[in-house]
Amino acid sequence: NQGTRLQVTISNIPAGAYVLVPEAVYLNNGTINSGIAVLVNTDTSGNGSYSPVPPTGTTAAQATGTYVPIASSGMAVYEVLFADPFSIETAVVTTIVAYSPSLNLNQPSTTTTAQAFGGFAPFYSTASAHEPQPLPFPNGVTLPVPRFAPGTVPANPNYFQINKCACNLLFPFVSATGGYDTGIAIANTSLDNLGIAGGSAAQNQFGGIQFWYYGSLNGGAPPPSQCTNVASPGTCPTPSSTSTTLVGQVPSGQILTYVLSSGGGQITSPTGGSANGLDNRANGFEGYIIAQAQFQYCHAYAFITAIGAGPLSAAVSEGYLGLILASSSLARPGLPPAEQLVH
């Protein structure tokens, strides 16, 4: 009922991302491009009369070099128009993954791994479709010839995943017990005036910060994680909003301050400070903290001193820079794929 059809299906496309496929693909016999298959409109089974996606150009080179969004089903079907019957041919469908980042919506999603598989079309999974059917077909249903069983095993179970551009910070020792307290400052350094000419890849970003505690709270288990959340201090995840005053997000070029014993501190801004959205759950805690900022560029400072001691108080005190943990799964130029403890 149709020419040879090849289908590629990409499932679990992360929210906020989309995939583009070429309007046509070449068939190659190992030496030259020996045929061509064009993208066609079909039903969800890959069936239907020949209906090519309207081409952008008029030549094969234009069609194979022009990309269009894949159907909402995640399936692209190509029908072979010309092939070399005397050769074993290969078709490669090159895809483009694109997205427009939305930090306040946490998109594109970083929790989904896209999968890809291919096969022939049209395809059916019902038992009746796998059997020869005499004419007329039962119930007036006409199934195409030939028809195939659908692919069930992904050819690539990890086709692509989008990594979060976050900044992970380690504070190796903090204390809010035994007469001591710790203050933390985290700067959102995604704002600078260098630009590409100055060797900077920074782009203005904003986002909340989540704190994890490892150690002991008054001799027991550490406190649970908390996030900067002005609407409900300490609650995770940070609500989706573009309002920095509502959810406790740190704007580019600004700083979050946090005192463990009280949860006090603020988020600075050019027009004045706002609440940091944190509570005092770390009062009585001693151990280390890992903080994850929802922006890629950050630096931090921690200061340990006597509880309630001011700058003129006679007390033992110590300050240090927070250590940046570079994700081992995130490729960064010039850095090996391992934990990076740097300032």
C-alpha atoms as a PDB file:
ATOM      1  CA  ASN A   1       0.000   0.000   0.000  1.00  0.00           C
ATOM      2  CA  GLN A   2       3.003   2.328   0.238  1.00  0.00           C
ATOM      3  CA  GLY A   3       6.706   2.505  -0.421  1.00  0.00           C
ATOM      4  CA  THR A   4       9.154   1.170   2.155  1.00  0.00           C
ATOM      5  CA  ARG A   5       8.760   3.221   5.322  1.00  0.00           C
ATOM      6  CA  LEU A   6      11.300   3.615   8.096  1.00  0.00           C
ATOM      7  CA  GLN A   7      10.291   5.106  11.440  1.00  0.00           C
ATOM      8  CA  VAL A   8      12.342   6.643  14.215  1.00  0.00           C
ATOM      9  CA  THR A   9      10.677   7.277  17.578  1.00  0.00           C
ATOM     10  CA  ILE A  10      12.163   9.403  20.361  1.00  0.00           C
ATOM     11  CA  SER A  11      10.382   8.964  23.682  1.00  0.00           C
ATOM     12  CA  ASN A  12      10.669  10.777  27.013  1.00  0.00           C
ATOM     13  CA  ILE A  13      11.671  14.092  25.452  1.00  0.00           C
ATOM     14  CA  PRO A  14      12.358  16.359  28.470  1.00  0.00           C
ATOM     15  CA  ALA A  15       9.732  18.993  29.199  1.00  0.00           C
ATOM     16  CA  GLY A  16      10.779  22.296  27.690  1.00  0.00           C
ATOM     17  CA  ALA A  17      12.920  20.680  24.983  1.00  0.00           C
ATOM     18  CA  TYR A  18      12.102  19.656  21.440  1.00  0.00           C
ATOM     19  CA  VAL A  19      13.736  17.597  18.697  1.00  0.00           C
ATOM     20  CA  LEU A  20      14.144  18.476  15.039  1.00  0.00           C
ATOM     21  CA  VAL A  21      14.616  15.988  12.203  1.00  0.00           C
ATOM     22  CA  PRO A  22      15.593  16.482   8.541  1.00  0.00           C
ATOM     23  CA  GLU A  23      12.968  16.702   5.811  1.00  0.00           C
ATOM     24  CA  ALA A  24      14.790  13.907   3.967  1.00  0.00           C
ATOM     25  CA  VAL A  25      17.674  11.479   4.518  1.00  0.00           C
ATOM     26  CA  TYR A  26      20.050   9.943   2.041  1.00  0.00           C
ATOM     27  CA  LEU A  27      20.497   6.201   1.626  1.00  0.00           C
ATOM     28  CA  ASN A  28      24.148   5.268   1.313  1.00  0.00           C
ATOM     29  CA  ASN A  29      25.558   2.036  -0.101  1.00  0.00           C
ATOM     30  CA  GLY A  30      28.928   2.464   1.583  1.00  0.00           C
ATOM     31  CA  THR A  31      30.433   4.407  -1.311  1.00  0.00           C
ATOM     32  CA  ILE A  32      27.960   7.006  -2.465  1.00  0.00           C
ATOM     33  CA  ASN A  33      24.513   8.362  -1.678  1.00  0.00           C
ATOM     34  CA  SER A  34      22.485   5.809  -3.578  1.00  0.00           C
ATOM     35  CA  GLY A  35      18.920   6.738  -2.645  1.00  0.00           C
ATOM     36  CA  ILE A  36      16.696   9.042  -0.657  1.00  0.00           C
ATOM     37  CA  ALA A  37      13.775   8.826   1.785  1.00  0.00           C
ATOM     38  CA  VAL A  38      11.489  11.756   2.581  1.00  0.00           C
ATOM     39  CA  LEU A  39       9.619  12.673   5.749  1.00  0.00           C
ATOM     40  CA  VAL A  40       5.920  11.879   5.422  1.00  0.00           C
ATOM     41  CA  ASN A  41       2.741  12.551   7.383  1.00  0.00           C
ATOM     42  CA  THR A  42       1.146   9.412   8.820  1.00  0.00           C
ATOM     43  CA  ASP A  43      -1.150   8.255  11.581  1.00  0.00           C
ATOM     44  CA  THR A  44       0.246   7.010  14.898  1.00  0.00           C
ATOM     45  CA  SER A  45       0.928   3.587  13.351  1.00  0.00           C
ATOM     46  CA  GLY A  46       2.889   5.007  10.422  1.00  0.00           C
ATOM     47  CA  ASN A  47       0.008   4.299   8.028  1.00  0.00           C
ATOM     48  CA  GLY A  48      -1.657   6.557   5.475  1.00  0.00           C
ATOM     49  CA  SER A  49      -1.428   7.553   1.852  1.00  0.00           C
ATOM     50  CA  TYR A  50       1.759   9.184   0.611  1.00  0.00           C
ATOM     51  CA  SER A  51       1.815  12.696   2.065  1.00  0.00           C
ATOM     52  CA  PRO A  52       5.270  14.270   2.212  1.00  0.00           C
ATOM     53  CA  VAL A  53       5.957  17.035   4.707  1.00  0.00           C
ATOM     54  CA  PRO A  54       5.902  20.223   2.590  1.00  0.00           C
ATOM     55  CA  PRO A  55       9.525  20.729   1.572  1.00  0.00           C
ATOM     56  CA  THR A  56      11.345  23.968   2.212  1.00  0.00           C
ATOM     57  CA  GLY A  57      13.418  23.690  -0.938  1.00  0.00           C
ATOM     58  CA  THR A  58      13.323  21.908  -4.274  1.00  0.00           C
ATOM     59  CA  THR A  59      16.554  19.889  -4.190  1.00  0.00           C
ATOM     60  CA  ALA A  60      17.734  16.858  -2.240  1.00  0.00           C
ATOM     61  CA  ALA A  61      20.526  18.876  -0.653  1.00  0.00           C
ATOM     62  CA  GLN A  62      18.015  21.440   0.606  1.00  0.00           C
ATOM     63  CA  ALA A  63      15.682  18.762   1.962  1.00  0.00           C
ATOM     64  CA  THR A  64      18.397  16.807   3.771  1.00  0.00           C
ATOM     65  CA  GLY A  65      19.775  20.027   5.245  1.00  0.00           C
ATOM     66  CA  THR A  66      16.460  21.458   6.470  1.00  0.00           C
ATOM     67  CA  TYR A  67      15.155  20.444   9.903  1.00  0.00           C
ATOM     68  CA  VAL A  68      11.613  20.542  11.231  1.00  0.00           C
ATOM     69  CA  PRO A  69      10.201  19.714  14.695  1.00  0.00           C
ATOM     70  CA  ILE A  70       9.376  16.083  15.222  1.00  0.00           C
ATOM     71  CA  ALA A  71       5.670  15.242  15.585  1.00  0.00           C
ATOM     72  CA  SER A  72       4.089  15.467  19.040  1.00  0.00           C
ATOM     73  CA  SER A  73       4.112  11.667  19.165  1.00  0.00           C
ATOM     74  CA  GLY A  74       7.907  11.752  18.953  1.00  0.00           C
ATOM     75  CA  MET A  75       7.825   9.683  15.737  1.00  0.00           C
ATOM     76  CA  ALA A  76       9.311  10.538  12.343  1.00  0.00           C
ATOM     77  CA  VAL A  77       8.439   8.348   9.354  1.00  0.00           C
ATOM     78  CA  TYR A  78      10.507   8.368   6.149  1.00  0.00           C
ATOM     79  CA  GLU A  79       9.305   6.799   2.897  1.00  0.00           C
ATOM     80  CA  VAL A  80      11.929   5.595   0.440  1.00  0.00           C
ATOM     81  CA  LEU A  81      11.498   7.235  -2.962  1.00  0.00           C
ATOM     82  CA  PHE A  82      14.602   5.888  -4.623  1.00  0.00           C
ATOM     83  CA  ALA A  83      17.050   3.113  -3.695  1.00  0.00           C
ATOM     84  CA  ASP A  84      19.731   0.887  -5.172  1.00  0.00           C
ATOM     85  CA  PRO A  85      18.230  -2.627  -5.374  1.00  0.00           C
ATOM     86  CA  PHE A  86      21.687  -4.167  -5.769  1.00  0.00           C
ATOM     87  CA  SER A  87      23.236  -2.777  -2.568  1.00  0.00           C
ATOM     88  CA  ILE A  88      22.829  -2.913   1.161  1.00  0.00           C
ATOM     89  CA  GLU A  89      22.065   0.654   2.118  1.00  0.00           C
ATOM     90  CA  THR A  90      22.161   2.632   5.349  1.00  0.00           C
ATOM     91  CA  ALA A  91      20.115   5.653   6.388  1.00  0.00           C
ATOM     92  CA  VAL A  92      21.262   7.950   9.195  1.00  0.00           C
ATOM     93  CA  VAL A  93      18.703  10.291  10.769  1.00  0.00           C
ATOM     94  CA  THR A  94      20.582  13.149  12.399  1.00  0.00           C
ATOM     95  CA  THR A  95      18.582  15.006  15.033  1.00  0.00           C
ATOM     96  CA  ILE A  96      18.921  18.410  16.674  1.00  0.00           C
ATOM     97  CA  VAL A  97      17.934  18.970  20.300  1.00  0.00           C
ATOM     98  CA  ALA A  98      16.873  22.519  21.115  1.00  0.00           C
ATOM     99  CA  TYR A  99      15.304  24.358  24.010  1.00  0.00           C
ATOM    100  CA  SER A 100      14.673  27.824  25.377  1.00  0.00           C
ATOM    101  CA  PRO A 101      15.719  27.802  29.054  1.00  0.00           C
ATOM    102  CA  SER A 102      13.155  28.858  31.650  1.00  0.00           C
ATOM    103  CA  LEU A 103      14.874  28.945  35.026  1.00  0.00           C
ATOM    104  CA  ASN A 104      11.756  29.777  37.004  1.00  0.00           C
ATOM    105  CA  LEU A 105       9.957  26.733  35.527  1.00  0.00           C
ATOM    106  CA  ASN A 106      13.019  24.479  35.883  1.00  0.00           C
ATOM    107  CA  GLN A 107      12.912  23.768  32.163  1.00  0.00           C
ATOM    108  CA  PRO A 108      14.196  22.011  30.234  1.00  0.00           C
ATOM    109  CA  SER A 109      13.736  19.116  32.636  1.00  0.00           C
ATOM    110  CA  THR A 110      16.942  17.535  33.948  1.00  0.00           C
ATOM    111  CA  THR A 111      15.228  14.437  35.364  1.00  0.00           C
ATOM    112  CA  THR A 112      14.276  12.765  32.068  1.00  0.00           C
ATOM    113  CA  THR A 113      16.423  10.657  29.746  1.00  0.00           C
ATOM    114  CA  ALA A 114      15.217  10.496  26.145  1.00  0.00           C
ATOM    115  CA  GLN A 115      15.249   7.137  24.381  1.00  0.00           C
ATOM    116  CA  ALA A 116      15.305   6.319  20.680  1.00  0.00           C
ATOM    117  CA  PHE A 117      14.320   3.282  18.630  1.00  0.00           C
ATOM    118  CA  GLY A 118      13.529   2.590  15.013  1.00  0.00           C
ATOM    119  CA  GLY A 119      11.898   0.066  12.736  1.00  0.00           C
ATOM    120  CA  PHE A 120       9.651  -0.378   9.740  1.00  0.00           C
ATOM    121  CA  ALA A 121       6.236   1.221   9.320  1.00  0.00           C
ATOM    122  CA  PRO A 122       3.318   0.838   9.418  1.00  0.00           C
ATOM    123  CA  PHE A 123       3.325  -1.221  12.622  1.00  0.00           C
ATOM    124  CA  TYR A 124       0.663  -2.794  14.845  1.00  0.00           C
ATOM    125  CA  SER A 125       0.676  -4.555  18.186  1.00  0.00           C
ATOM    126  CA  THR A 126      -2.746  -6.214  18.145  1.00  0.00           C
ATOM    127  CA  ALA A 127      -2.843  -9.970  17.680  1.00  0.00           C
ATOM    128  CA  SER A 128      -5.290  -9.755  14.756  1.00  0.00           C
ATOM    129  CA  ALA A 129      -2.902  -7.505  12.846  1.00  0.00           C
ATOM    130  CA  HIS A 130      -0.240 -10.209  13.001  1.00  0.00           C
ATOM    131  CA  GLU A 131      -2.395 -12.716  11.089  1.00  0.00           C
ATOM    132  CA  PRO A 132      -3.295 -12.923   7.400  1.00  0.00           C
ATOM    133  CA  GLN A 133      -6.703 -11.346   6.860  1.00  0.00           C
ATOM    134  CA  PRO A 134      -8.929 -12.371   3.980  1.00  0.00           C
ATOM    135  CA  LEU A 135     -10.846  -9.750   2.050  1.00  0.00           C
ATOM    136  CA  PRO A 136     -13.051  -8.080   3.129  1.00  0.00           C
ATOM    137  CA  PHE A 137     -11.324  -7.278   6.406  1.00  0.00           C
ATOM    138  CA  PRO A 138     -13.354  -7.871   9.591  1.00  0.00           C
ATOM    139  CA  ASN A 139     -15.498  -4.984  10.833  1.00  0.00           C
ATOM    140  CA  GLY A 140     -14.740  -3.028   7.703  1.00  0.00           C
ATOM    141  CA  VAL A 141     -11.149  -2.324   8.876  1.00  0.00           C
ATOM    142  CA  THR A 142      -8.568  -2.312   6.127  1.00  0.00           C
ATOM    143  CA  LEU A 143      -4.989  -2.827   7.285  1.00  0.00           C
ATOM    144  CA  PRO A 144      -2.082  -1.983   5.003  1.00  0.00           C
ATOM    145  CA  VAL A 145       0.208  -4.480   3.308  1.00  0.00           C
ATOM    146  CA  PRO A 146       2.898  -5.027   4.361  1.00  0.00           C
ATOM    147  CA  ARG A 147       2.625  -4.270   8.079  1.00  0.00           C
ATOM    148  CA  PHE A 148       5.088  -4.860  10.892  1.00  0.00           C
ATOM    149  CA  ALA A 149       5.387  -5.439  14.608  1.00  0.00           C
ATOM    150  CA  PRO A 150       6.500  -2.301  16.468  1.00  0.00           C
ATOM    151  CA  GLY A 151       9.984  -1.945  17.887  1.00  0.00           C
ATOM    152  CA  THR A 152       9.930  -2.523  21.638  1.00  0.00           C
ATOM    153  CA  VAL A 153      13.559  -2.255  22.756  1.00  0.00           C
ATOM    154  CA  PRO A 154      15.215   1.173  22.504  1.00  0.00           C
ATOM    155  CA  ALA A 155      18.181   1.126  20.165  1.00  0.00           C
ATOM    156  CA  ASN A 156      19.688   3.784  22.414  1.00  0.00           C
ATOM    157  CA  PRO A 157      18.319   3.745  26.002  1.00  0.00           C
ATOM    158  CA  ASN A 158      20.213   6.941  26.802  1.00  0.00           C
ATOM    159  CA  TYR A 159      19.728   9.002  23.674  1.00  0.00           C
ATOM    160  CA  PHE A 160      20.170  12.352  25.372  1.00  0.00           C
ATOM    161  CA  GLN A 161      19.800  14.040  28.737  1.00  0.00           C
ATOM    162  CA  ILE A 162      20.058  17.705  29.674  1.00  0.00           C
ATOM    163  CA  ASN A 163      22.313  18.482  32.615  1.00  0.00           C
ATOM    164  CA  LYS A 164      21.383  21.205  35.048  1.00  0.00           C
ATOM    165  CA  CYS A 165      23.706  24.227  34.994  1.00  0.00           C
ATOM    166  CA  ALA A 166      23.897  24.516  38.778  1.00  0.00           C
ATOM    167  CA  CYS A 167      26.661  25.553  41.136  1.00  0.00           C
ATOM    168  CA  ASN A 168      27.425  23.110  43.954  1.00  0.00           C
ATOM    169  CA  LEU A 169      29.247  24.404  47.028  1.00  0.00           C
ATOM    170  CA  LEU A 170      30.882  22.546  49.900  1.00  0.00           C
ATOM    171  CA  PHE A 171      31.324  24.143  53.311  1.00  0.00           C
ATOM    172  CA  PRO A 172      33.591  21.517  54.935  1.00  0.00           C
ATOM    173  CA  PHE A 173      32.955  22.593  58.533  1.00  0.00           C
ATOM    174  CA  VAL A 174      30.191  24.653  60.089  1.00  0.00           C
ATOM    175  CA  SER A 175      29.048  24.903  63.693  1.00  0.00           C
ATOM    176  CA  ALA A 176      26.035  26.358  65.458  1.00  0.00           C
ATOM    177  CA  THR A 177      26.663  24.683  68.789  1.00  0.00           C
ATOM    178  CA  GLY A 178      29.172  24.688  71.646  1.00  0.00           C
ATOM    179  CA  GLY A 179      29.167  28.459  71.812  1.00  0.00           C
ATOM    180  CA  TYR A 180      29.876  28.921  68.105  1.00  0.00           C
ATOM    181  CA  ASP A 181      27.858  30.102  65.146  1.00  0.00           C
ATOM    182  CA  THR A 182      28.464  30.176  61.385  1.00  0.00           C
ATOM    183  CA  GLY A 183      27.537  32.765  58.802  1.00  0.00           C
ATOM    184  CA  ILE A 184      27.481  31.964  55.086  1.00  0.00           C
ATOM    185  CA  ALA A 185      27.497  34.277  52.068  1.00  0.00           C
ATOM    186  CA  ILE A 186      26.829  32.988  48.514  1.00  0.00           C
ATOM    187  CA  ALA A 187      27.337  35.308  45.545  1.00  0.00           C
ATOM    188  CA  ASN A 188      25.565  34.881  42.201  1.00  0.00           C
ATOM    189  CA  THR A 189      28.487  35.783  39.923  1.00  0.00           C
ATOM    190  CA  SER A 190      26.651  35.297  36.630  1.00  0.00           C
ATOM    191  CA  LEU A 191      26.787  39.066  36.099  1.00  0.00           C
ATOM    192  CA  ASP A 192      30.004  40.638  34.863  1.00  0.00           C
ATOM    193  CA  ASN A 193      31.184  43.225  32.347  1.00  0.00           C
ATOM    194  CA  LEU A 194      33.825  41.104  30.619  1.00  0.00           C
ATOM    195  CA  GLY A 195      31.751  39.462  27.919  1.00  0.00           C
ATOM    196  CA  ILE A 196      33.170  37.029  25.380  1.00  0.00           C
ATOM    197  CA  ALA A 197      36.069  39.356  24.574  1.00  0.00           C
ATOM    198  CA  GLY A 198      37.137  39.168  28.208  1.00  0.00           C
ATOM    199  CA  GLY A 199      36.996  35.381  28.262  1.00  0.00           C
ATOM    200  CA  SER A 200      33.714  35.244  30.198  1.00  0.00           C
ATOM    201  CA  ALA A 201      30.925  32.822  29.361  1.00  0.00           C
ATOM    202  CA  ALA A 202      28.651  34.158  32.097  1.00  0.00           C
ATOM    203  CA  GLN A 203      25.033  34.864  31.267  1.00  0.00           C
ATOM    204  CA  ASN A 204      22.654  36.568  33.658  1.00  0.00           C
ATOM    205  CA  GLN A 205      20.887  33.898  35.709  1.00  0.00           C
ATOM    206  CA  PHE A 206      18.833  33.821  38.880  1.00  0.00           C
ATOM    207  CA  GLY A 207      17.559  31.085  41.130  1.00  0.00           C
ATOM    208  CA  GLY A 208      17.006  29.694  44.587  1.00  0.00           C
ATOM    209  CA  ILE A 209      19.507  27.808  46.727  1.00  0.00           C
ATOM    210  CA  GLN A 210      19.044  24.473  48.507  1.00  0.00           C
ATOM    211  CA  PHE A 211      21.065  23.458  51.578  1.00  0.00           C
ATOM    212  CA  TRP A 212      21.864  19.874  52.658  1.00  0.00           C
ATOM    213  CA  TYR A 213      23.230  19.169  56.154  1.00  0.00           C
ATOM    214  CA  TYR A 214      25.630  16.328  57.010  1.00  0.00           C
ATOM    215  CA  GLY A 215      26.647  15.818  60.629  1.00  0.00           C
ATOM    216  CA  SER A 216      24.723  15.998  63.893  1.00  0.00           C
ATOM    217  CA  LEU A 217      22.013  18.222  65.380  1.00  0.00           C
ATOM    218  CA  ASN A 218      22.302  18.265  69.193  1.00  0.00           C
ATOM    219  CA  GLY A 219      23.851  14.797  69.103  1.00  0.00           C
ATOM    220  CA  GLY A 220      21.198  13.313  66.810  1.00  0.00           C
ATOM    221  CA  ALA A 221      20.382  13.161  63.095  1.00  0.00           C
ATOM    222  CA  PRO A 222      21.112  16.254  60.984  1.00  0.00           C
ATOM    223  CA  PRO A 223      18.237  18.571  60.036  1.00  0.00           C
ATOM    224  CA  PRO A 224      16.403  18.032  56.738  1.00  0.00           C
ATOM    225  CA  SER A 225      17.304  19.964  53.612  1.00  0.00           C
ATOM    226  CA  GLN A 226      15.809  23.405  53.109  1.00  0.00           C
ATOM    227  CA  CYS A 227      15.430  25.926  50.291  1.00  0.00           C
ATOM    228  CA  THR A 228      15.261  29.688  50.025  1.00  0.00           C
ATOM    229  CA  ASN A 229      11.503  30.210  50.054  1.00  0.00           C
ATOM    230  CA  VAL A 230      10.047  33.478  51.303  1.00  0.00           C
ATOM    231  CA  ALA A 231       6.427  32.340  50.937  1.00  0.00           C
ATOM    232  CA  SER A 232       7.056  29.325  53.229  1.00  0.00           C
ATOM    233  CA  PRO A 233      10.577  29.595  54.693  1.00  0.00           C
ATOM    234  CA  GLY A 234      12.721  26.505  54.260  1.00  0.00           C
ATOM    235  CA  THR A 235      10.206  24.584  52.130  1.00  0.00           C
ATOM    236  CA  CYS A 236      11.440  22.726  49.028  1.00  0.00           C
ATOM    237  CA  PRO A 237      11.139  22.859  46.123  1.00  0.00           C
ATOM    238  CA  THR A 238      11.210  26.586  45.497  1.00  0.00           C
ATOM    239  CA  PRO A 239       7.859  27.614  43.933  1.00  0.00           C
ATOM    240  CA  SER A 240       7.819  28.582  40.289  1.00  0.00           C
ATOM    241  CA  SER A 241       7.759  32.341  39.930  1.00  0.00           C
ATOM    242  CA  THR A 242       9.666  35.161  38.350  1.00  0.00           C
ATOM    243  CA  SER A 243       9.289  37.273  41.501  1.00  0.00           C
ATOM    244  CA  THR A 244      12.541  37.340  43.452  1.00  0.00           C
ATOM    245  CA  THR A 245      10.766  38.849  46.477  1.00  0.00           C
ATOM    246  CA  LEU A 246       8.240  36.020  46.617  1.00  0.00           C
ATOM    247  CA  VAL A 247      10.422  32.919  46.381  1.00  0.00           C
ATOM    248  CA  GLY A 248      13.830  34.002  47.647  1.00  0.00           C
ATOM    249  CA  GLN A 249      15.727  33.728  44.383  1.00  0.00           C
ATOM    250  CA  VAL A 250      19.132  35.372  44.189  1.00  0.00           C
ATOM    251  CA  PRO A 251      19.406  37.808  41.234  1.00  0.00           C
ATOM    252  CA  SER A 252      22.537  37.917  39.102  1.00  0.00           C
ATOM    253  CA  GLY A 253      25.241  40.007  40.721  1.00  0.00           C
ATOM    254  CA  GLN A 254      23.683  39.739  44.205  1.00  0.00           C
ATOM    255  CA  ILE A 255      24.467  37.855  47.430  1.00  0.00           C
ATOM    256  CA  LEU A 256      22.605  35.586  49.838  1.00  0.00           C
ATOM    257  CA  THR A 257      23.616  35.709  53.519  1.00  0.00           C
ATOM    258  CA  TYR A 258      22.594  33.071  56.059  1.00  0.00           C
ATOM    259  CA  VAL A 259      23.246  32.601  59.804  1.00  0.00           C
ATOM    260  CA  LEU A 260      22.832  28.977  60.923  1.00  0.00           C
ATOM    261  CA  SER A 261      21.606  29.549  64.490  1.00  0.00           C
ATOM    262  CA  SER A 262      18.759  31.886  63.550  1.00  0.00           C
ATOM    263  CA  GLY A 263      18.218  31.433  59.830  1.00  0.00           C
ATOM    264  CA  GLY A 264      18.808  35.170  59.611  1.00  0.00           C
ATOM    265  CA  GLY A 265      20.316  37.018  56.700  1.00  0.00           C
ATOM    266  CA  GLN A 266      19.042  38.501  53.473  1.00  0.00           C
ATOM    267  CA  ILE A 267      19.251  38.582  49.687  1.00  0.00           C
ATOM    268  CA  THR A 268      20.826  41.805  48.541  1.00  0.00           C
ATOM    269  CA  SER A 269      19.485  43.840  45.650  1.00  0.00           C
ATOM    270  CA  PRO A 270      20.295  47.217  44.077  1.00  0.00           C
ATOM    271  CA  THR A 271      17.223  48.657  45.814  1.00  0.00           C
ATOM    272  CA  GLY A 272      17.771  47.042  49.237  1.00  0.00           C
ATOM    273  CA  GLY A 273      17.679  43.631  50.883  1.00  0.00           C
ATOM    274  CA  SER A 274      14.889  41.066  51.124  1.00  0.00           C
ATOM    275  CA  ALA A 275      14.351  38.002  53.321  1.00  0.00           C
ATOM    276  CA  ASN A 276      16.451  34.944  52.503  1.00  0.00           C
ATOM    277  CA  GLY A 277      13.571  32.473  52.967  1.00  0.00           C
ATOM    278  CA  LEU A 278      15.503  30.210  55.368  1.00  0.00           C
ATOM    279  CA  ASP A 279      14.657  29.095  58.918  1.00  0.00           C
ATOM    280  CA  ASN A 280      16.653  28.200  62.042  1.00  0.00           C
ATOM    281  CA  ARG A 281      16.553  24.400  61.695  1.00  0.00           C
ATOM    282  CA  ALA A 282      20.398  24.304  61.810  1.00  0.00           C
ATOM    283  CA  ASN A 283      20.552  25.747  65.344  1.00  0.00           C
ATOM    284  CA  GLY A 284      22.576  23.181  67.313  1.00  0.00           C
ATOM    285  CA  PHE A 285      24.057  21.612  64.166  1.00  0.00           C
ATOM    286  CA  GLU A 286      27.716  20.771  63.563  1.00  0.00           C
ATOM    287  CA  GLY A 287      29.128  19.130  60.445  1.00  0.00           C
ATOM    288  CA  TYR A 288      29.354  20.144  56.802  1.00  0.00           C
ATOM    289  CA  ILE A 289      26.922  21.650  54.315  1.00  0.00           C
ATOM    290  CA  ILE A 290      26.486  21.198  50.572  1.00  0.00           C
ATOM    291  CA  ALA A 291      24.517  23.983  48.897  1.00  0.00           C
ATOM    292  CA  GLN A 292      23.236  23.881  45.315  1.00  0.00           C
ATOM    293  CA  ALA A 293      22.513  27.196  43.621  1.00  0.00           C
ATOM    294  CA  GLN A 294      20.179  27.197  40.618  1.00  0.00           C
ATOM    295  CA  PHE A 295      22.614  29.319  38.628  1.00  0.00           C
ATOM    296  CA  GLN A 296      25.869  28.197  37.080  1.00  0.00           C
ATOM    297  CA  TYR A 297      28.335  30.714  38.496  1.00  0.00           C
ATOM    298  CA  CYS A 298      28.704  31.179  42.240  1.00  0.00           C
ATOM    299  CA  HIS A 299      31.287  31.739  44.961  1.00  0.00           C
ATOM    300  CA  ALA A 300      30.921  31.568  48.720  1.00  0.00           C
ATOM    301  CA  TYR A 301      32.436  32.522  52.055  1.00  0.00           C
ATOM    302  CA  ALA A 302      31.863  31.105  55.538  1.00  0.00           C
ATOM    303  CA  PHE A 303      32.718  32.691  58.900  1.00  0.00           C
ATOM    304  CA  ILE A 304      32.738  30.851  62.248  1.00  0.00           C
ATOM    305  CA  THR A 305      32.663  32.877  65.473  1.00  0.00           C
ATOM    306  CA  ALA A 306      31.190  32.949  68.948  1.00  0.00           C
ATOM    307  CA  ILE A 307      27.383  33.036  69.062  1.00  0.00           C
ATOM    308  CA  GLY A 308      26.220  36.640  69.071  1.00  0.00           C
ATOM    309  CA  ALA A 309      29.751  38.038  68.782  1.00  0.00           C
ATOM    310  CA  GLY A 310      30.021  41.290  66.865  1.00  0.00           C
ATOM    311  CA  PRO A 311      32.980  42.607  64.868  1.00  0.00           C
ATOM    312  CA  LEU A 312      34.531  44.228  67.960  1.00  0.00           C
ATOM    313  CA  SER A 313      34.023  41.250  70.292  1.00  0.00           C
ATOM    314  CA  ALA A 314      37.023  39.405  71.747  1.00  0.00           C
ATOM    315  CA  ALA A 315      36.251  35.921  70.413  1.00  0.00           C
ATOM    316  CA  VAL A 316      37.846  33.108  68.448  1.00  0.00           C
ATOM    317  CA  SER A 317      36.812  33.350  64.814  1.00  0.00           C
ATOM    318  CA  GLU A 318      37.757  31.841  61.463  1.00  0.00           C
ATOM    319  CA  GLY A 319      36.727  32.409  57.849  1.00  0.00           C
ATOM    320  CA  TYR A 320      37.229  30.416  54.662  1.00  0.00           C
ATOM    321  CA  LEU A 321      36.109  30.262  51.035  1.00  0.00           C
ATOM    322  CA  GLY A 322      33.483  27.707  50.040  1.00  0.00           C
ATOM    323  CA  LEU A 323      34.672  24.927  47.727  1.00  0.00           C
ATOM    324  CA  ILE A 324      33.035  24.458  44.329  1.00  0.00           C
ATOM    325  CA  LEU A 325      32.054  20.886  43.476  1.00  0.00           C
ATOM    326  CA  ALA A 326      32.075  20.393  39.707  1.00  0.00           C
ATOM    327  CA  SER A 327      29.732  17.575  38.686  1.00  0.00           C
ATOM    328  CA  SER A 328      31.558  14.528  37.314  1.00  0.00           C
ATOM    329  CA  SER A 329      28.776  14.087  34.728  1.00  0.00           C
ATOM    330  CA  LEU A 330      28.975  17.645  33.395  1.00  0.00           C
ATOM    331  CA  ALA A 331      31.609  18.285  30.734  1.00  0.00           C
ATOM    332  CA  ARG A 332      33.453  21.527  31.424  1.00  0.00           C
ATOM    333  CA  PRO A 333      36.329  22.745  29.239  1.00  0.00           C
ATOM    334  CA  GLY A 334      39.718  22.445  30.882  1.00  0.00           C
ATOM    335  CA  LEU A 335      38.498  20.334  33.811  1.00  0.00           C
ATOM    336  CA  PRO A 336      38.789  16.551  34.148  1.00  0.00           C
ATOM    337  CA  PRO A 337      35.552  14.607  34.739  1.00  0.00           C
ATOM    338  CA  ALA A 338      35.908  14.417  38.531  1.00  0.00           C
ATOM    339  CA  GLU A 339      35.064  16.313  41.705  1.00  0.00           C
ATOM    340  CA  GLN A 340      36.772  19.682  41.616  1.00  0.00           C
ATOM    341  CA  LEU A 341      37.432  21.345  44.947  1.00  0.00           C
ATOM    342  CA  VAL A 342      38.268  24.870  43.879  1.00  0.00           C
ATOM    343  CA  HIS A 343      37.599  28.423  45.001  1.00  0.00           C
END
